[in-house]
Protein backbone atom coordinates (compact mmCIF):
# COMPACT_ATOMS: atom_id res chain seq x y z
CA MET A 1 84.57 -19.89 93.96
CA GLY A 2 80.86 -20.15 94.65
CA VAL A 3 77.95 -18.09 93.54
CA CYS A 4 75.74 -16.22 95.99
CA ARG A 5 71.97 -16.53 96.03
CA VAL A 6 71.45 -13.17 94.34
CA HIS A 7 73.75 -14.01 91.46
CA LEU A 8 72.34 -17.50 91.13
CA MET A 9 68.82 -16.10 90.88
CA ARG A 10 69.92 -13.44 88.38
CA ASN A 11 71.73 -16.01 86.22
CA LEU A 12 68.82 -18.44 86.27
CA LEU A 13 66.21 -15.80 85.48
CA ALA A 14 68.30 -14.57 82.54
CA THR A 15 67.62 -17.94 80.87
CA VAL A 16 63.81 -17.79 81.02
CA PRO A 17 61.26 -15.53 79.30
CA LYS A 18 60.29 -12.49 81.37
CA GLY A 19 56.70 -13.69 81.59
CA GLN A 20 57.86 -16.87 83.33
CA ALA A 21 60.44 -15.27 85.61
CA GLU A 22 58.22 -14.93 88.69
CA MET A 23 57.14 -18.57 88.55
CA VAL A 24 60.75 -19.73 88.18
CA ALA A 25 61.88 -17.39 90.97
CA ALA A 26 59.21 -18.85 93.27
CA LEU A 27 60.51 -22.35 92.55
CA ILE A 28 64.10 -21.32 93.23
CA ARG A 29 63.13 -19.62 96.50
CA THR A 30 61.84 -22.96 97.79
CA LEU A 31 65.46 -24.10 97.89
CA PHE A 32 66.41 -21.42 100.37
CA ALA A 33 63.52 -22.31 102.67
CA GLN A 34 64.93 -25.77 103.40
CA THR A 35 66.43 -26.43 106.83
CA ASN A 36 69.45 -28.56 105.93
CA ALA A 37 71.67 -29.62 103.04
CA ASP A 38 69.92 -32.95 102.45
CA LYS A 39 66.49 -31.35 102.17
CA THR A 40 67.91 -28.61 99.98
CA ARG A 41 69.59 -31.15 97.70
CA ALA A 42 66.34 -33.11 97.31
CA GLN A 43 64.37 -29.93 96.62
CA LEU A 44 67.01 -28.74 94.14
CA ARG A 45 66.68 -31.94 92.15
CA GLN A 46 62.90 -31.70 92.19
CA VAL A 47 63.00 -28.07 91.02
CA ALA A 48 65.55 -28.89 88.30
CA THR A 49 63.35 -31.73 87.07
CA SER A 50 60.34 -29.41 86.89
CA LEU A 51 62.35 -26.81 84.94
CA GLU A 52 64.05 -29.25 82.59
CA ARG A 53 61.37 -29.53 79.91
CA ASN A 54 60.61 -25.84 79.37
CA PHE A 55 63.80 -24.23 80.67
CA PRO A 56 66.67 -26.68 80.15
CA LYS A 57 69.37 -24.02 80.52
CA ALA A 58 67.96 -22.93 83.89
CA ALA A 59 67.83 -26.55 85.05
CA GLU A 60 71.43 -27.06 83.97
CA LEU A 61 72.60 -23.91 85.78
CA LEU A 62 70.76 -24.98 88.91
CA LEU A 63 72.30 -28.45 88.92
CA ASP A 64 75.73 -26.94 88.31
CA ALA A 65 75.23 -24.73 91.38
CA GLU A 66 74.24 -27.63 93.66
CA TYR A 67 77.39 -27.41 95.77
CA ASP A 68 76.91 -23.69 96.41
CA VAL A 69 73.18 -23.98 97.09
CA THR A 70 73.60 -26.84 99.55
CA ALA A 71 76.54 -25.34 101.48
CA TYR A 72 75.45 -24.96 105.10
């Protein structure tokens, strides 16, 4: 069973400090602006890489949700 965008965002933001939540949310929203699964997959990996250093749990959750995020 997949996770919807709202729940994905909520779960990801729960792993970052409140002061960083808007920046992380903006990064995650770039995934949903992509026009196809391949572009979304590439963007997801780029976003996960950018989150990995400071927010490893968020990066891990995002990578785990790749199938759901890229379902078109």
